């Protein structure tokens, strides 16, 4: 397994898909609010608009989070030959393959499951700066770095 660039591309696409969905949802919510504003009046209207506004705020916060994740993934240089775990590292610990980037869903590539882990998560943080054959214990589980790409 040495396809960090392919892993990066898959996560970029996953995040771009999320961004597109969130933008579409925001656009639909905005259109709905504009349409509702033209045809309604009274307390029920005000409540509906307030609910739509809250939903817009939640979607905007989620969109910003996904944009930040994508910016982080975009900055990763997959051509680096790493000797220590760092951002963008592909690390095999025990039987797990971890991509040190952001907390994202699992993907499968070359019949291997890759889990994206944030360097700020307990396991990611424990692995940062460590080399092959180093062992860390997180939440009572021992992890040994078998490979580092």
C-alpha atoms as a PDB file:
ATOM      1  CA  UNK A   1       0.000   0.000   0.000  1.00  0.00           C
ATOM      2  CA  UNK A   2       1.743   3.148  -1.139  1.00  0.00           C
ATOM      3  CA  UNK A   3      -0.920   5.183  -2.828  1.00  0.00           C
ATOM      4  CA  UNK A   4      -1.112   8.233  -0.578  1.00  0.00           C
ATOM      5  CA  UNK A   5      -1.937  10.391  -3.588  1.00  0.00           C
ATOM      6  CA  UNK A   6      -4.936   8.193  -4.451  1.00  0.00           C
ATOM      7  CA  UNK A   7      -6.099   8.313  -0.823  1.00  0.00           C
ATOM      8  CA  UNK A   8      -5.790  12.094  -0.836  1.00  0.00           C
ATOM      9  CA  UNK A   9      -7.794  12.321  -4.080  1.00  0.00           C
ATOM     10  CA  UNK A  10     -10.538  10.079  -2.686  1.00  0.00           C
ATOM     11  CA  UNK A  11     -10.856  12.201   0.445  1.00  0.00           C
ATOM     12  CA  UNK A  12     -10.813  15.419  -1.598  1.00  0.00           C
ATOM     13  CA  UNK A  13     -13.677  14.056  -3.710  1.00  0.00           C
ATOM     14  CA  UNK A  14     -15.606  12.900  -0.651  1.00  0.00           C
ATOM     15  CA  UNK A  15     -15.266  16.354   0.905  1.00  0.00           C
ATOM     16  CA  UNK A  16     -16.138  18.144  -2.335  1.00  0.00           C
ATOM     17  CA  UNK A  17     -19.289  16.020  -2.591  1.00  0.00           C
ATOM     18  CA  UNK A  18     -20.223  17.026   0.968  1.00  0.00           C
ATOM     19  CA  UNK A  19     -19.573  20.685   0.159  1.00  0.00           C
ATOM     20  CA  UNK A  20     -21.822  20.474  -2.900  1.00  0.00           C
ATOM     21  CA  UNK A  21     -24.633  18.838  -0.904  1.00  0.00           C
ATOM     22  CA  UNK A  22     -24.414  21.410   1.894  1.00  0.00           C
ATOM     23  CA  UNK A  23     -24.408  24.302  -0.592  1.00  0.00           C
ATOM     24  CA  UNK A  24     -27.461  22.826  -2.330  1.00  0.00           C
ATOM     25  CA  UNK A  25     -29.245  22.476   1.019  1.00  0.00           C
ATOM     26  CA  UNK A  26     -28.434  26.077   1.903  1.00  0.00           C
ATOM     27  CA  UNK A  27     -29.651  27.279  -1.476  1.00  0.00           C
ATOM     28  CA  UNK A  28     -32.935  25.363  -1.096  1.00  0.00           C
ATOM     29  CA  UNK A  29     -33.407  26.740   2.408  1.00  0.00           C
ATOM     30  CA  UNK A  30     -32.771  30.285   1.200  1.00  0.00           C
ATOM     31  CA  UNK A  31     -35.237  29.877  -1.666  1.00  0.00           C
ATOM     32  CA  UNK A  32     -37.786  28.410   0.743  1.00  0.00           C
ATOM     33  CA  UNK A  33     -37.392  31.360   3.095  1.00  0.00           C
ATOM     34  CA  UNK A  34     -37.811  33.835   0.242  1.00  0.00           C
ATOM     35  CA  UNK A  35     -40.922  32.057  -1.034  1.00  0.00           C
ATOM     36  CA  UNK A  36     -42.384  31.800   2.464  1.00  0.00           C
ATOM     37  CA  UNK A  37     -41.691  35.489   3.129  1.00  0.00           C
ATOM     38  CA  UNK A  38     -43.780  36.518   0.121  1.00  0.00           C
ATOM     39  CA  UNK A  39     -46.891  34.550   1.044  1.00  0.00           C
ATOM     40  CA  UNK A  40     -47.153  34.478   4.833  1.00  0.00           C
ATOM     41  CA  UNK A  41     -47.730  36.752   7.760  1.00  0.00           C
ATOM     42  CA  UNK A  42     -48.224  36.396  11.482  1.00  0.00           C
ATOM     43  CA  UNK A  43     -46.707  34.446  14.356  1.00  0.00           C
ATOM     44  CA  UNK A  44     -46.522  31.135  12.498  1.00  0.00           C
ATOM     45  CA  UNK A  45     -44.593  32.864   9.723  1.00  0.00           C
ATOM     46  CA  UNK A  46     -42.147  34.407  12.192  1.00  0.00           C
ATOM     47  CA  UNK A  47     -41.601  31.035  13.878  1.00  0.00           C
ATOM     48  CA  UNK A  48     -41.026  29.322  10.527  1.00  0.00           C
ATOM     49  CA  UNK A  49     -38.519  31.985   9.479  1.00  0.00           C
ATOM     50  CA  UNK A  50     -36.699  31.689  12.812  1.00  0.00           C
ATOM     51  CA  UNK A  51     -36.478  27.911  12.391  1.00  0.00           C
ATOM     52  CA  UNK A  52     -35.159  28.319   8.845  1.00  0.00           C
ATOM     53  CA  UNK A  53     -32.591  30.818  10.087  1.00  0.00           C
ATOM     54  CA  UNK A  54     -31.409  28.380  12.772  1.00  0.00           C
ATOM     55  CA  UNK A  55     -31.149  25.616  10.182  1.00  0.00           C
ATOM     56  CA  UNK A  56     -29.124  27.949   7.923  1.00  0.00           C
ATOM     57  CA  UNK A  57     -26.741  28.686  10.799  1.00  0.00           C
ATOM     58  CA  UNK A  58     -26.255  24.944  11.445  1.00  0.00           C
ATOM     59  CA  UNK A  59     -25.657  24.256   7.752  1.00  0.00           C
ATOM     60  CA  UNK A  60     -23.219  27.169   7.462  1.00  0.00           C
ATOM     61  CA  UNK A  61     -21.273  25.875  10.480  1.00  0.00           C
ATOM     62  CA  UNK A  62     -21.162  22.359   8.992  1.00  0.00           C
ATOM     63  CA  UNK A  63     -20.118  23.782   5.610  1.00  0.00           C
ATOM     64  CA  UNK A  64     -17.279  25.731   7.239  1.00  0.00           C
ATOM     65  CA  UNK A  65     -16.126  22.595   9.056  1.00  0.00           C
ATOM     66  CA  UNK A  66     -16.043  20.618   5.791  1.00  0.00           C
ATOM     67  CA  UNK A  67     -14.291  23.482   3.972  1.00  0.00           C
ATOM     68  CA  UNK A  68     -11.642  23.521   6.728  1.00  0.00           C
ATOM     69  CA  UNK A  69     -11.183  19.743   6.395  1.00  0.00           C
ATOM     70  CA  UNK A  70     -10.814  20.061   2.629  1.00  0.00           C
ATOM     71  CA  UNK A  71      -8.265  22.879   3.019  1.00  0.00           C
ATOM     72  CA  UNK A  72      -6.266  20.638   5.372  1.00  0.00           C
ATOM     73  CA  UNK A  73      -6.361  17.701   2.923  1.00  0.00           C
ATOM     74  CA  UNK A  74      -5.447  20.016   0.019  1.00  0.00           C
ATOM     75  CA  UNK A  75      -2.300  21.160   1.889  1.00  0.00           C
ATOM     76  CA  UNK A  76      -0.969  17.624   2.352  1.00  0.00           C
ATOM     77  CA  UNK A  77       2.137  16.891   0.284  1.00  0.00           C
ATOM     78  CA  UNK A  78       1.847  13.217  -0.656  1.00  0.00           C
ATOM     79  CA  UNK A  79       5.286  13.131  -2.276  1.00  0.00           C
ATOM     80  CA  UNK A  80       7.120  13.372   1.045  1.00  0.00           C
ATOM     81  CA  UNK A  81       9.044  10.316   2.222  1.00  0.00           C
ATOM     82  CA  UNK A  82       8.338  10.396   5.924  1.00  0.00           C
ATOM     83  CA  UNK A  83      10.490   8.796   8.599  1.00  0.00           C
ATOM     84  CA  UNK A  84       8.226   9.960  11.438  1.00  0.00           C
ATOM     85  CA  UNK A  85       4.447  10.144  11.689  1.00  0.00           C
ATOM     86  CA  UNK A  86       3.270  13.560  10.516  1.00  0.00           C
ATOM     87  CA  UNK A  87       0.313  15.154   8.765  1.00  0.00           C
ATOM     88  CA  UNK A  88      -0.284  13.196   5.568  1.00  0.00           C
ATOM     89  CA  UNK A  89       1.370  10.008   6.787  1.00  0.00           C
ATOM     90  CA  UNK A  90      -0.065   6.638   5.901  1.00  0.00           C
ATOM     91  CA  UNK A  91       0.617   4.471   8.925  1.00  0.00           C
ATOM     92  CA  UNK A  92      -0.030   0.815   9.587  1.00  0.00           C
ATOM     93  CA  UNK A  93      -0.563   0.189  13.285  1.00  0.00           C
ATOM     94  CA  UNK A  94      -1.343  -3.387  14.237  1.00  0.00           C
ATOM     95  CA  UNK A  95      -3.648  -4.384  11.357  1.00  0.00           C
ATOM     96  CA  UNK A  96      -5.086  -0.887  10.805  1.00  0.00           C
ATOM     97  CA  UNK A  97      -4.117   1.548   8.055  1.00  0.00           C
ATOM     98  CA  UNK A  98      -4.407   5.160   9.223  1.00  0.00           C
ATOM     99  CA  UNK A  99      -4.175   8.312   7.122  1.00  0.00           C
ATOM    100  CA  UNK A 100      -3.153  11.171   9.418  1.00  0.00           C
ATOM    101  CA  UNK A 101      -5.204  14.108   8.192  1.00  0.00           C
ATOM    102  CA  UNK A 102      -8.690  14.865   9.516  1.00  0.00           C
ATOM    103  CA  UNK A 103     -11.385  12.754  11.133  1.00  0.00           C
ATOM    104  CA  UNK A 104     -13.158  11.398   8.050  1.00  0.00           C
ATOM    105  CA  UNK A 105     -15.038   8.210   7.113  1.00  0.00           C
ATOM    106  CA  UNK A 106     -13.265   4.981   6.219  1.00  0.00           C
ATOM    107  CA  UNK A 107     -12.467   4.327   2.592  1.00  0.00           C
ATOM    108  CA  UNK A 108     -11.349   1.152   0.843  1.00  0.00           C
ATOM    109  CA  UNK A 109      -8.450   1.155  -1.579  1.00  0.00           C
ATOM    110  CA  UNK A 110      -6.580  -1.860  -2.960  1.00  0.00           C
ATOM    111  CA  UNK A 111      -8.671  -4.112  -0.700  1.00  0.00           C
ATOM    112  CA  UNK A 112      -7.414  -2.216   2.342  1.00  0.00           C
ATOM    113  CA  UNK A 113      -9.581  -0.163   4.658  1.00  0.00           C
ATOM    114  CA  UNK A 114      -8.077   3.246   5.411  1.00  0.00           C
ATOM    115  CA  UNK A 115      -9.224   5.256   8.388  1.00  0.00           C
ATOM    116  CA  UNK A 116      -8.560   8.991   8.332  1.00  0.00           C
ATOM    117  CA  UNK A 117      -7.489  10.132  11.792  1.00  0.00           C
ATOM    118  CA  UNK A 118      -7.002  13.653  13.040  1.00  0.00           C
ATOM    119  CA  UNK A 119      -3.579  14.415  14.511  1.00  0.00           C
ATOM    120  CA  UNK A 120      -5.558  15.890  17.435  1.00  0.00           C
ATOM    121  CA  UNK A 121      -7.463  12.659  18.165  1.00  0.00           C
ATOM    122  CA  UNK A 122      -6.048  10.527  20.976  1.00  0.00           C
ATOM    123  CA  UNK A 123      -4.506   7.916  18.647  1.00  0.00           C
ATOM    124  CA  UNK A 124      -3.317  10.473  16.088  1.00  0.00           C
ATOM    125  CA  UNK A 125      -1.749  12.603  18.803  1.00  0.00           C
ATOM    126  CA  UNK A 126       0.000   9.607  20.369  1.00  0.00           C
ATOM    127  CA  UNK A 127       1.462   8.592  16.995  1.00  0.00           C
ATOM    128  CA  UNK A 128       2.679  12.031  15.887  1.00  0.00           C
ATOM    129  CA  UNK A 129       6.473  12.209  15.646  1.00  0.00           C
ATOM    130  CA  UNK A 130       6.944   8.475  16.235  1.00  0.00           C
ATOM    131  CA  UNK A 131       8.905   6.079  13.988  1.00  0.00           C
ATOM    132  CA  UNK A 132       8.413   2.515  12.719  1.00  0.00           C
ATOM    133  CA  UNK A 133       8.440  -0.124  15.498  1.00  0.00           C
ATOM    134  CA  UNK A 134       7.433   2.448  18.119  1.00  0.00           C
ATOM    135  CA  UNK A 135       4.561   1.391  20.362  1.00  0.00           C
ATOM    136  CA  UNK A 136       1.918   3.569  21.988  1.00  0.00           C
ATOM    137  CA  UNK A 137      -0.965   2.762  24.315  1.00  0.00           C
ATOM    138  CA  UNK A 138      -4.252   4.594  23.807  1.00  0.00           C
ATOM    139  CA  UNK A 139      -7.341   3.849  25.883  1.00  0.00           C
ATOM    140  CA  UNK A 140      -5.790   0.624  27.113  1.00  0.00           C
ATOM    141  CA  UNK A 141      -4.971  -0.695  23.632  1.00  0.00           C
ATOM    142  CA  UNK A 142      -1.372  -1.105  22.480  1.00  0.00           C
ATOM    143  CA  UNK A 143      -0.553  -0.001  18.939  1.00  0.00           C
ATOM    144  CA  UNK A 144       2.702  -0.790  17.160  1.00  0.00           C
ATOM    145  CA  UNK A 145       3.773   1.158  14.070  1.00  0.00           C
ATOM    146  CA  UNK A 146       4.510  -1.525  11.459  1.00  0.00           C
ATOM    147  CA  UNK A 147       4.790   0.627   8.324  1.00  0.00           C
ATOM    148  CA  UNK A 148       5.062   4.320   7.592  1.00  0.00           C
ATOM    149  CA  UNK A 149       4.559   5.795   4.151  1.00  0.00           C
END
